Amino acid sequence: MAKIVNTADFEKSVLQSDKPVLVDFFATWCGPCSMMAPVLTELSETYDTFEVVKVDIDESMPLAERYGVMSVPTFIAFKNGAEIGRTIGVQAKENLLKLLAL
């Protein structure tokens, strides 16, 4: 299962990670976000070459603002602390893997 991170642990869990990280900016009230949950769980359980984390935009609004998240779900891939890809809305698993350049 994807780990939920917040403003306090984002730096360590995402920006300082030694692996690429796929961040799912989501909201509990978001239907499309709920649809993506099984895909993210599958990715986190199948691949060990990257991490999958979730950020609840209602709980961590400063992070959503910092990364310009205007709609959910928004997926941002990070590598070595830098954004390397971004997509918005319901996505196929393959599209999320492409964000990570896998």
PDB file of N, CA and C in Angstrom:
ATOM      1  N   MET A   1       0.840  -1.194   0.000  1.00  0.00           N
ATOM      2  CA  MET A   1       0.000   0.000   0.000  1.00  0.00           C
ATOM      3  C   MET A   1       0.878   1.248   0.000  1.00  0.00           C
ATOM      4  N   ALA A   2       0.431   2.255  -0.723  1.00  0.00           N
ATOM      5  CA  ALA A   2       1.174   3.506  -0.797  1.00  0.00           C
ATOM      6  C   ALA A   2       1.144   4.206   0.562  1.00  0.00           C
ATOM      7  N   LYS A   3       2.264   4.778   0.918  1.00  0.00           N
ATOM      8  CA  LYS A   3       2.403   5.483   2.192  1.00  0.00           C
ATOM      9  C   LYS A   3       1.842   6.896   2.059  1.00  0.00           C
ATOM     10  N   ILE A   4       1.124   7.354   3.068  1.00  0.00           N
ATOM     11  CA  ILE A   4       0.628   8.732   3.070  1.00  0.00           C
ATOM     12  C   ILE A   4       1.676   9.609   3.748  1.00  0.00           C
ATOM     13  N   VAL A   5       2.056  10.685   3.042  1.00  0.00           N
ATOM     14  CA  VAL A   5       3.020  11.627   3.604  1.00  0.00           C
ATOM     15  C   VAL A   5       2.346  12.988   3.732  1.00  0.00           C
ATOM     16  N   ASN A   6       2.924  13.817   4.597  1.00  0.00           N
ATOM     17  CA  ASN A   6       2.382  15.158   4.786  1.00  0.00           C
ATOM     18  C   ASN A   6       3.497  16.184   4.658  1.00  0.00           C
ATOM     19  N   THR A   7       3.175  17.402   4.925  1.00  0.00           N
ATOM     20  CA  THR A   7       4.142  18.484   4.781  1.00  0.00           C
ATOM     21  C   THR A   7       5.398  18.226   5.606  1.00  0.00           C
ATOM     22  N   ALA A   8       5.238  17.654   6.802  1.00  0.00           N
ATOM     23  CA  ALA A   8       6.367  17.431   7.706  1.00  0.00           C
ATOM     24  C   ALA A   8       7.353  16.385   7.198  1.00  0.00           C
ATOM     25  N   ASP A   9       6.864  15.327   6.541  1.00  0.00           N
ATOM     26  CA  ASP A   9       7.790  14.266   6.122  1.00  0.00           C
ATOM     27  C   ASP A   9       8.000  14.178   4.603  1.00  0.00           C
ATOM     28  N   PHE A  10       7.460  15.140   3.850  1.00  0.00           N
ATOM     29  CA  PHE A  10       7.604  15.134   2.391  1.00  0.00           C
ATOM     30  C   PHE A  10       9.073  15.221   1.972  1.00  0.00           C
ATOM     31  N   GLU A  11       9.803  16.122   2.605  1.00  0.00           N
ATOM     32  CA  GLU A  11      11.222  16.319   2.267  1.00  0.00           C
ATOM     33  C   GLU A  11      11.997  15.002   2.361  1.00  0.00           C
ATOM     34  N   LYS A  12      11.854  14.319   3.494  1.00  0.00           N
ATOM     35  CA  LYS A  12      12.590  13.072   3.702  1.00  0.00           C
ATOM     36  C   LYS A  12      12.073  11.946   2.815  1.00  0.00           C
ATOM     37  N   SER A  13      10.761  11.798   2.727  1.00  0.00           N
ATOM     38  CA  SER A  13      10.171  10.677   1.999  1.00  0.00           C
ATOM     39  C   SER A  13      10.247  10.815   0.480  1.00  0.00           C
ATOM     40  N   VAL A  14      10.250  12.042  -0.007  1.00  0.00           N
ATOM     41  CA  VAL A  14      10.203  12.258  -1.459  1.00  0.00           C
ATOM     42  C   VAL A  14      11.486  12.899  -1.978  1.00  0.00           C
ATOM     43  N   LEU A  15      11.794  14.082  -1.499  1.00  0.00           N
ATOM     44  CA  LEU A  15      12.910  14.844  -2.069  1.00  0.00           C
ATOM     45  C   LEU A  15      14.274  14.246  -1.745  1.00  0.00           C
ATOM     46  N   GLN A  16      14.386  13.551  -0.610  1.00  0.00           N
ATOM     47  CA  GLN A  16      15.670  12.948  -0.239  1.00  0.00           C
ATOM     48  C   GLN A  16      15.718  11.445  -0.496  1.00  0.00           C
ATOM     49  N   SER A  17      14.715  10.908  -1.156  1.00  0.00           N
ATOM     50  CA  SER A  17      14.668   9.472  -1.425  1.00  0.00           C
ATOM     51  C   SER A  17      15.781   9.070  -2.387  1.00  0.00           C
ATOM     52  N   ASP A  18      16.359   7.884  -2.148  1.00  0.00           N
ATOM     53  CA  ASP A  18      17.392   7.394  -3.059  1.00  0.00           C
ATOM     54  C   ASP A  18      16.776   6.673  -4.257  1.00  0.00           C
ATOM     55  N   LYS A  19      15.446   6.558  -4.276  1.00  0.00           N
ATOM     56  CA  LYS A  19      14.724   5.958  -5.399  1.00  0.00           C
ATOM     57  C   LYS A  19      13.804   7.019  -6.008  1.00  0.00           C
ATOM     58  N   PRO A  20      13.418   6.843  -7.273  1.00  0.00           N
ATOM     59  CA  PRO A  20      12.377   7.720  -7.811  1.00  0.00           C
ATOM     60  C   PRO A  20      11.098   7.544  -6.981  1.00  0.00           C
ATOM     61  N   VAL A  21      10.280   8.592  -6.934  1.00  0.00           N
ATOM     62  CA  VAL A  21       9.055   8.559  -6.136  1.00  0.00           C
ATOM     63  C   VAL A  21       7.893   9.068  -6.979  1.00  0.00           C
ATOM     64  N   LEU A  22       6.808   8.308  -6.987  1.00  0.00           N
ATOM     65  CA  LEU A  22       5.561   8.738  -7.618  1.00  0.00           C
ATOM     66  C   LEU A  22       4.655   9.260  -6.515  1.00  0.00           C
ATOM     67  N   VAL A  23       4.277  10.532  -6.622  1.00  0.00           N
ATOM     68  CA  VAL A  23       3.428  11.154  -5.609  1.00  0.00           C
ATOM     69  C   VAL A  23       2.023  11.328  -6.178  1.00  0.00           C
ATOM     70  N   ASP A  24       1.053  10.802  -5.451  1.00  0.00           N
ATOM     71  CA  ASP A  24      -0.354  10.937  -5.802  1.00  0.00           C
ATOM     72  C   ASP A  24      -0.957  12.017  -4.909  1.00  0.00           C
ATOM     73  N   PHE A  25      -1.241  13.187  -5.488  1.00  0.00           N
ATOM     74  CA  PHE A  25      -1.961  14.229  -4.761  1.00  0.00           C
ATOM     75  C   PHE A  25      -3.443  13.912  -4.916  1.00  0.00           C
ATOM     76  N   PHE A  26      -4.115  13.605  -3.800  1.00  0.00           N
ATOM     77  CA  PHE A  26      -5.491  13.120  -3.839  1.00  0.00           C
ATOM     78  C   PHE A  26      -6.334  13.806  -2.778  1.00  0.00           C
ATOM     79  N   ALA A  27      -7.646  13.509  -2.811  1.00  0.00           N
ATOM     80  CA  ALA A  27      -8.565  13.948  -1.761  1.00  0.00           C
ATOM     81  C   ALA A  27      -9.506  12.790  -1.455  1.00  0.00           C
ATOM     82  N   THR A  28      -9.896  12.674  -0.208  1.00  0.00           N
ATOM     83  CA  THR A  28     -10.757  11.566   0.192  1.00  0.00           C
ATOM     84  C   THR A  28     -12.125  11.642  -0.465  1.00  0.00           C
ATOM     85  N   TRP A  29     -12.581  12.828  -0.825  1.00  0.00           N
ATOM     86  CA  TRP A  29     -13.894  13.022  -1.433  1.00  0.00           C
ATOM     87  C   TRP A  29     -13.879  12.849  -2.954  1.00  0.00           C
ATOM     88  N   CYS A  30     -12.729  12.573  -3.525  1.00  0.00           N
ATOM     89  CA  CYS A  30     -12.537  12.530  -4.983  1.00  0.00           C
ATOM     90  C   CYS A  30     -12.792  11.125  -5.534  1.00  0.00           C
ATOM     91  N   GLY A  31     -13.841  10.982  -6.350  1.00  0.00           N
ATOM     92  CA  GLY A  31     -14.169   9.696  -6.955  1.00  0.00           C
ATOM     93  C   GLY A  31     -13.051   9.127  -7.826  1.00  0.00           C
ATOM     94  N   PRO A  32     -12.506   9.916  -8.768  1.00  0.00           N
ATOM     95  CA  PRO A  32     -11.404   9.407  -9.594  1.00  0.00           C
ATOM     96  C   PRO A  32     -10.179   8.999  -8.764  1.00  0.00           C
ATOM     97  N   CYS A  33      -9.952   9.685  -7.649  1.00  0.00           N
ATOM     98  CA  CYS A  33      -8.836   9.316  -6.769  1.00  0.00           C
ATOM     99  C   CYS A  33      -9.065   7.916  -6.201  1.00  0.00           C
ATOM    100  N   SER A  34     -10.293   7.648  -5.798  1.00  0.00           N
ATOM    101  CA  SER A  34     -10.633   6.323  -5.268  1.00  0.00           C
ATOM    102  C   SER A  34     -10.452   5.253  -6.330  1.00  0.00           C
ATOM    103  N   MET A  35     -10.778   5.585  -7.581  1.00  0.00           N
ATOM    104  CA  MET A  35     -10.602   4.636  -8.683  1.00  0.00           C
ATOM    105  C   MET A  35      -9.132   4.285  -8.887  1.00  0.00           C
ATOM    106  N   MET A  36      -8.242   5.220  -8.591  1.00  0.00           N
ATOM    107  CA  MET A  36      -6.804   5.017  -8.803  1.00  0.00           C
ATOM    108  C   MET A  36      -6.146   4.240  -7.667  1.00  0.00           C
ATOM    109  N   ALA A  37      -6.791   4.152  -6.523  1.00  0.00           N
ATOM    110  CA  ALA A  37      -6.185   3.509  -5.349  1.00  0.00           C
ATOM    111  C   ALA A  37      -5.694   2.090  -5.628  1.00  0.00           C
ATOM    112  N   PRO A  38      -6.481   1.218  -6.284  1.00  0.00           N
ATOM    113  CA  PRO A  38      -5.980  -0.139  -6.545  1.00  0.00           C
ATOM    114  C   PRO A  38      -4.763  -0.164  -7.468  1.00  0.00           C
ATOM    115  N   VAL A  39      -4.714   0.755  -8.414  1.00  0.00           N
ATOM    116  CA  VAL A  39      -3.563   0.834  -9.331  1.00  0.00           C
ATOM    117  C   VAL A  39      -2.312   1.215  -8.553  1.00  0.00           C
ATOM    118  N   LEU A  40      -2.440   2.187  -7.668  1.00  0.00           N
ATOM    119  CA  LEU A  40      -1.287   2.628  -6.867  1.00  0.00           C
ATOM    120  C   LEU A  40      -0.835   1.531  -5.910  1.00  0.00           C
ATOM    121  N   THR A  41      -1.788   0.809  -5.339  1.00  0.00           N
ATOM    122  CA  THR A  41      -1.432  -0.306  -4.464  1.00  0.00           C
ATOM    123  C   THR A  41      -0.672  -1.364  -5.252  1.00  0.00           C
ATOM    124  N   GLU A  42      -1.162  -1.682  -6.447  1.00  0.00           N
ATOM    125  CA  GLU A  42      -0.477  -2.667  -7.287  1.00  0.00           C
ATOM    126  C   GLU A  42       0.947  -2.218  -7.620  1.00  0.00           C
ATOM    127  N   LEU A  43       1.105  -0.956  -7.994  1.00  0.00           N
ATOM    128  CA  LEU A  43       2.444  -0.443  -8.313  1.00  0.00           C
ATOM    129  C   LEU A  43       3.370  -0.546  -7.100  1.00  0.00           C
ATOM    130  N   SER A  44       2.863  -0.151  -5.934  1.00  0.00           N
ATOM    131  CA  SER A  44       3.714  -0.153  -4.737  1.00  0.00           C
ATOM    132  C   SER A  44       4.094  -1.557  -4.309  1.00  0.00           C
ATOM    133  N   GLU A  45       3.230  -2.541  -4.604  1.00  0.00           N
ATOM    134  CA  GLU A  45       3.514  -3.918  -4.205  1.00  0.00           C
ATOM    135  C   GLU A  45       4.297  -4.693  -5.260  1.00  0.00           C
ATOM    136  N   THR A  46       4.285  -4.229  -6.501  1.00  0.00           N
ATOM    137  CA  THR A  46       4.916  -4.955  -7.598  1.00  0.00           C
ATOM    138  C   THR A  46       6.343  -4.495  -7.874  1.00  0.00           C
ATOM    139  N   TYR A  47       6.589  -3.209  -7.720  1.00  0.00           N
ATOM    140  CA  TYR A  47       7.891  -2.643  -8.088  1.00  0.00           C
ATOM    141  C   TYR A  47       8.666  -2.223  -6.848  1.00  0.00           C
ATOM    142  N   ASP A  48       9.961  -2.556  -6.846  1.00  0.00           N
ATOM    143  CA  ASP A  48      10.800  -2.085  -5.744  1.00  0.00           C
ATOM    144  C   ASP A  48      11.833  -1.078  -6.238  1.00  0.00           C
ATOM    145  N   THR A  49      11.721  -0.662  -7.501  1.00  0.00           N
ATOM    146  CA  THR A  49      12.668   0.300  -8.073  1.00  0.00           C
ATOM    147  C   THR A  49      12.238   1.738  -7.829  1.00  0.00           C
ATOM    148  N   PHE A  50      11.027   1.938  -7.313  1.00  0.00           N
ATOM    149  CA  PHE A  50      10.552   3.278  -6.982  1.00  0.00           C
ATOM    150  C   PHE A  50       9.567   3.191  -5.825  1.00  0.00           C
ATOM    151  N   GLU A  51       9.290   4.328  -5.222  1.00  0.00           N
ATOM    152  CA  GLU A  51       8.342   4.421  -4.118  1.00  0.00           C
ATOM    153  C   GLU A  51       7.053   5.077  -4.610  1.00  0.00           C
ATOM    154  N   VAL A  52       5.950   4.735  -3.979  1.00  0.00           N
ATOM    155  CA  VAL A  52       4.671   5.381  -4.250  1.00  0.00           C
ATOM    156  C   VAL A  52       4.189   5.987  -2.938  1.00  0.00           C
ATOM    157  N   VAL A  53       3.899   7.290  -2.962  1.00  0.00           N
ATOM    158  CA  VAL A  53       3.371   7.954  -1.773  1.00  0.00           C
ATOM    159  C   VAL A  53       2.144   8.764  -2.162  1.00  0.00           C
ATOM    160  N   LYS A  54       1.311   9.028  -1.173  1.00  0.00           N
ATOM    161  CA  LYS A  54       0.088   9.786  -1.381  1.00  0.00           C
ATOM    162  C   LYS A  54       0.112  11.025  -0.497  1.00  0.00           C
ATOM    163  N   VAL A  55      -0.401  12.144  -1.035  1.00  0.00           N
ATOM    164  CA  VAL A  55      -0.520  13.382  -0.281  1.00  0.00           C
ATOM    165  C   VAL A  55      -1.981  13.810  -0.330  1.00  0.00           C
ATOM    166  N   ASP A  56      -2.622  13.859   0.832  1.00  0.00           N
ATOM    167  CA  ASP A  56      -4.007  14.327   0.937  1.00  0.00           C
ATOM    168  C   ASP A  56      -3.977  15.855   0.870  1.00  0.00           C
ATOM    169  N   ILE A  57      -4.540  16.408  -0.205  1.00  0.00           N
ATOM    170  CA  ILE A  57      -4.439  17.858  -0.402  1.00  0.00           C
ATOM    171  C   ILE A  57      -5.175  18.645   0.682  1.00  0.00           C
ATOM    172  N   ASP A  58      -6.205  18.049   1.277  1.00  0.00           N
ATOM    173  CA  ASP A  58      -6.932  18.743   2.338  1.00  0.00           C
ATOM    174  C   ASP A  58      -6.130  18.790   3.637  1.00  0.00           C
ATOM    175  N   GLU A  59      -5.291  17.784   3.857  1.00  0.00           N
ATOM    176  CA  GLU A  59      -4.462  17.716   5.062  1.00  0.00           C
ATOM    177  C   GLU A  59      -3.118  18.430   4.868  1.00  0.00           C
ATOM    178  N   SER A  60      -2.684  18.554   3.621  1.00  0.00           N
ATOM    179  CA  SER A  60      -1.363  19.138   3.325  1.00  0.00           C
ATOM    180  C   SER A  60      -1.477  20.187   2.224  1.00  0.00           C
ATOM    181  N   MET A  61      -2.340  21.165   2.455  1.00  0.00           N
ATOM    182  CA  MET A  61      -2.569  22.222   1.474  1.00  0.00           C
ATOM    183  C   MET A  61      -1.285  22.955   1.061  1.00  0.00           C
ATOM    184  N   PRO A  62      -0.333  23.201   1.986  1.00  0.00           N
ATOM    185  CA  PRO A  62       0.905  23.878   1.556  1.00  0.00           C
ATOM    186  C   PRO A  62       1.655  23.105   0.466  1.00  0.00           C
ATOM    187  N   LEU A  63       1.637  21.784   0.529  1.00  0.00           N
ATOM    188  CA  LEU A  63       2.304  20.989  -0.514  1.00  0.00           C
ATOM    189  C   LEU A  63       1.565  21.105  -1.842  1.00  0.00           C
ATOM    190  N   ALA A  64       0.245  21.055  -1.788  1.00  0.00           N
ATOM    191  CA  ALA A  64      -0.548  21.193  -3.010  1.00  0.00           C
ATOM    192  C   ALA A  64      -0.277  22.551  -3.651  1.00  0.00           C
ATOM    193  N   GLU A  65      -0.207  23.584  -2.840  1.00  0.00           N
ATOM    194  CA  GLU A  65       0.074  24.923  -3.365  1.00  0.00           C
ATOM    195  C   GLU A  65       1.492  25.012  -3.908  1.00  0.00           C
ATOM    196  N   ARG A  66       2.444  24.453  -3.186  1.00  0.00           N
ATOM    197  CA  ARG A  66       3.855  24.494  -3.593  1.00  0.00           C
ATOM    198  C   ARG A  66       4.059  23.874  -4.973  1.00  0.00           C
ATOM    199  N   TYR A  67       3.324  22.796  -5.256  1.00  0.00           N
ATOM    200  CA  TYR A  67       3.489  22.091  -6.528  1.00  0.00           C
ATOM    201  C   TYR A  67       2.389  22.418  -7.541  1.00  0.00           C
ATOM    202  N   GLY A  68       1.600  23.444  -7.260  1.00  0.00           N
ATOM    203  CA  GLY A  68       0.615  23.920  -8.218  1.00  0.00           C
ATOM    204  C   GLY A  68      -0.469  22.916  -8.554  1.00  0.00           C
ATOM    205  N   VAL A  69      -0.864  22.121  -7.576  1.00  0.00           N
ATOM    206  CA  VAL A  69      -1.908  21.124  -7.804  1.00  0.00           C
ATOM    207  C   VAL A  69      -3.260  21.830  -7.794  1.00  0.00           C
ATOM    208  N   MET A  70      -3.918  21.831  -8.961  1.00  0.00           N
ATOM    209  CA  MET A  70      -5.198  22.523  -9.116  1.00  0.00           C
ATOM    210  C   MET A  70      -6.372  21.551  -9.191  1.00  0.00           C
ATOM    211  N   SER A  71      -6.107  20.274  -9.524  1.00  0.00           N
ATOM    212  CA  SER A  71      -7.163  19.271  -9.570  1.00  0.00           C
ATOM    213  C   SER A  71      -6.590  17.928  -9.146  1.00  0.00           C
ATOM    214  N   VAL A  72      -7.473  17.051  -8.717  1.00  0.00           N
ATOM    215  CA  VAL A  72      -7.041  15.737  -8.241  1.00  0.00           C
ATOM    216  C   VAL A  72      -7.761  14.643  -9.016  1.00  0.00           C
ATOM    217  N   PRO A  73      -7.110  13.515  -9.212  1.00  0.00           N
ATOM    218  CA  PRO A  73      -5.737  13.243  -8.774  1.00  0.00           C
ATOM    219  C   PRO A  73      -4.707  13.893  -9.694  1.00  0.00           C
ATOM    220  N   THR A  74      -3.623  14.337  -9.104  1.00  0.00           N
ATOM    221  CA  THR A  74      -2.445  14.795  -9.841  1.00  0.00           C
ATOM    222  C   THR A  74      -1.299  13.895  -9.424  1.00  0.00           C
ATOM    223  N   PHE A  75      -0.584  13.369 -10.418  1.00  0.00           N
ATOM    224  CA  PHE A  75       0.556  12.494 -10.164  1.00  0.00           C
ATOM    225  C   PHE A  75       1.822  13.219 -10.580  1.00  0.00           C
ATOM    226  N   ILE A  76       2.778  13.309  -9.662  1.00  0.00           N
ATOM    227  CA  ILE A  76       4.064  13.941  -9.962  1.00  0.00           C
ATOM    228  C   ILE A  76       5.162  12.941  -9.629  1.00  0.00           C
ATOM    229  N   ALA A  77       6.045  12.739 -10.595  1.00  0.00           N
ATOM    230  CA  ALA A  77       7.192  11.846 -10.389  1.00  0.00           C
ATOM    231  C   ALA A  77       8.406  12.686 -10.026  1.00  0.00           C
ATOM    232  N   PHE A  78       9.159  12.238  -9.031  1.00  0.00           N
ATOM    233  CA  PHE A  78      10.369  12.912  -8.575  1.00  0.00           C
ATOM    234  C   PHE A  78      11.548  11.957  -8.667  1.00  0.00           C
ATOM    235  N   LYS A  79      12.694  12.503  -9.013  1.00  0.00           N
ATOM    236  CA  LYS A  79      13.937  11.736  -8.997  1.00  0.00           C
ATOM    237  C   LYS A  79      15.038  12.680  -8.536  1.00  0.00           C
ATOM    238  N   ASN A  80      15.806  12.231  -7.557  1.00  0.00           N
ATOM    239  CA  ASN A  80      16.873  13.057  -6.988  1.00  0.00           C
ATOM    240  C   ASN A  80      16.361  14.432  -6.549  1.00  0.00           C
ATOM    241  N   GLY A  81      15.149  14.456  -6.003  1.00  0.00           N
ATOM    242  CA  GLY A  81      14.593  15.686  -5.459  1.00  0.00           C
ATOM    243  C   GLY A  81      13.974  16.622  -6.476  1.00  0.00           C
ATOM    244  N   ALA A  82      13.986  16.250  -7.758  1.00  0.00           N
ATOM    245  CA  ALA A  82      13.452  17.127  -8.801  1.00  0.00           C
ATOM    246  C   ALA A  82      12.261  16.480  -9.493  1.00  0.00           C
ATOM    247  N   GLU A  83      11.320  17.308  -9.902  1.00  0.00           N
ATOM    248  CA  GLU A  83      10.173  16.803 -10.652  1.00  0.00           C
ATOM    249  C   GLU A  83      10.634  16.363 -12.037  1.00  0.00           C
ATOM    250  N   ILE A  84      10.235  15.138 -12.433  1.00  0.00           N
ATOM    251  CA  ILE A  84      10.623  14.633 -13.753  1.00  0.00           C
ATOM    252  C   ILE A  84       9.408  14.351 -14.641  1.00  0.00           C
ATOM    253  N   GLY A  85       8.212  14.454 -14.084  1.00  0.00           N
ATOM    254  CA  GLY A  85       7.017  14.232 -14.879  1.00  0.00           C
ATOM    255  C   GLY A  85       5.763  14.497 -14.081  1.00  0.00           C
ATOM    256  N   ARG A  86       4.665  14.773 -14.818  1.00  0.00           N
ATOM    257  CA  ARG A  86       3.405  15.110 -14.151  1.00  0.00           C
ATOM    258  C   ARG A  86       2.251  14.753 -15.077  1.00  0.00           C
ATOM    259  N   THR A  87       1.169  14.276 -14.491  1.00  0.00           N
ATOM    260  CA  THR A  87      -0.058  14.028 -15.234  1.00  0.00           C
ATOM    261  C   THR A  87      -1.239  14.207 -14.294  1.00  0.00           C
ATOM    262  N   ILE A  88      -2.392  14.474 -14.881  1.00  0.00           N
ATOM    263  CA  ILE A  88      -3.594  14.761 -14.095  1.00  0.00           C
ATOM    264  C   ILE A  88      -4.722  13.842 -14.536  1.00  0.00           C
ATOM    265  N   GLY A  89      -5.507  13.380 -13.572  1.00  0.00           N
ATOM    266  CA  GLY A  89      -6.679  12.574 -13.873  1.00  0.00           C
ATOM    267  C   GLY A  89      -6.398  11.082 -13.811  1.00  0.00           C
ATOM    268  N   VAL A  90      -7.433  10.303 -14.072  1.00  0.00           N
ATOM    269  CA  VAL A  90      -7.316   8.847 -14.055  1.00  0.00           C
ATOM    270  C   VAL A  90      -6.333   8.421 -15.140  1.00  0.00           C
ATOM    271  N   GLN A  91      -5.389   7.550 -14.773  1.00  0.00           N
ATOM    272  CA  GLN A  91      -4.328   7.125 -15.679  1.00  0.00           C
ATOM    273  C   GLN A  91      -4.198   5.610 -15.695  1.00  0.00           C
ATOM    274  N   ALA A  92      -3.792   5.092 -16.832  1.00  0.00           N
ATOM    275  CA  ALA A  92      -3.435   3.679 -16.912  1.00  0.00           C
ATOM    276  C   ALA A  92      -2.109   3.479 -16.195  1.00  0.00           C
ATOM    277  N   LYS A  93      -1.928   2.287 -15.663  1.00  0.00           N
ATOM    278  CA  LYS A  93      -0.679   1.953 -14.958  1.00  0.00           C
ATOM    279  C   LYS A  93       0.539   2.271 -15.829  1.00  0.00           C
ATOM    280  N   GLU A  94       0.456   1.958 -17.121  1.00  0.00           N
ATOM    281  CA  GLU A  94       1.579   2.192 -18.045  1.00  0.00           C
ATOM    282  C   GLU A  94       1.948   3.667 -18.130  1.00  0.00           C
ATOM    283  N   ASN A  95       0.950   4.547 -18.071  1.00  0.00           N
ATOM    284  CA  ASN A  95       1.234   5.987 -18.121  1.00  0.00           C
ATOM    285  C   ASN A  95       1.991   6.450 -16.880  1.00  0.00           C
ATOM    286  N   LEU A  96       1.648   5.875 -15.741  1.00  0.00           N
ATOM    287  CA  LEU A  96       2.348   6.233 -14.509  1.00  0.00           C
ATOM    288  C   LEU A  96       3.794   5.728 -14.550  1.00  0.00           C
ATOM    289  N   LEU A  97       3.999   4.551 -15.096  1.00  0.00           N
ATOM    290  CA  LEU A  97       5.363   4.025 -15.233  1.00  0.00           C
ATOM    291  C   LEU A  97       6.186   4.895 -16.184  1.00  0.00           C
ATOM    292  N   LYS A  98       5.555   5.411 -17.236  1.00  0.00           N
ATOM    293  CA  LYS A  98       6.262   6.291 -18.180  1.00  0.00           C
ATOM    294  C   LYS A  98       6.714   7.585 -17.497  1.00  0.00           C
ATOM    295  N   LEU A  99       5.900   8.074 -16.564  1.00  0.00           N
ATOM    296  CA  LEU A  99       6.291   9.280 -15.818  1.00  0.00           C
ATOM    297  C   LEU A  99       7.618   9.079 -15.102  1.00  0.00           C
ATOM    298  N   LEU A 100       7.818   7.865 -14.620  1.00  0.00           N
ATOM    299  CA  LEU A 100       9.038   7.538 -13.882  1.00  0.00           C
ATOM    300  C   LEU A 100      10.173   7.133 -14.814  1.00  0.00           C
ATOM    301  N   ALA A 101       9.910   7.169 -16.131  1.00  0.00           N
ATOM    302  CA  ALA A 101      10.889   6.800 -17.152  1.00  0.00           C
ATOM    303  C   ALA A 101      11.309   5.344 -17.004  1.00  0.00           C
ATOM    304  N   LEU A 102      10.347   4.454 -16.699  1.00  0.00           N
ATOM    305  CA  LEU A 102      10.626   3.019 -16.554  1.00  0.00           C
ATOM    306  C   LEU A 102      10.126   2.284 -17.787  1.00  0.00           C
TER     307      LEU A 102
END
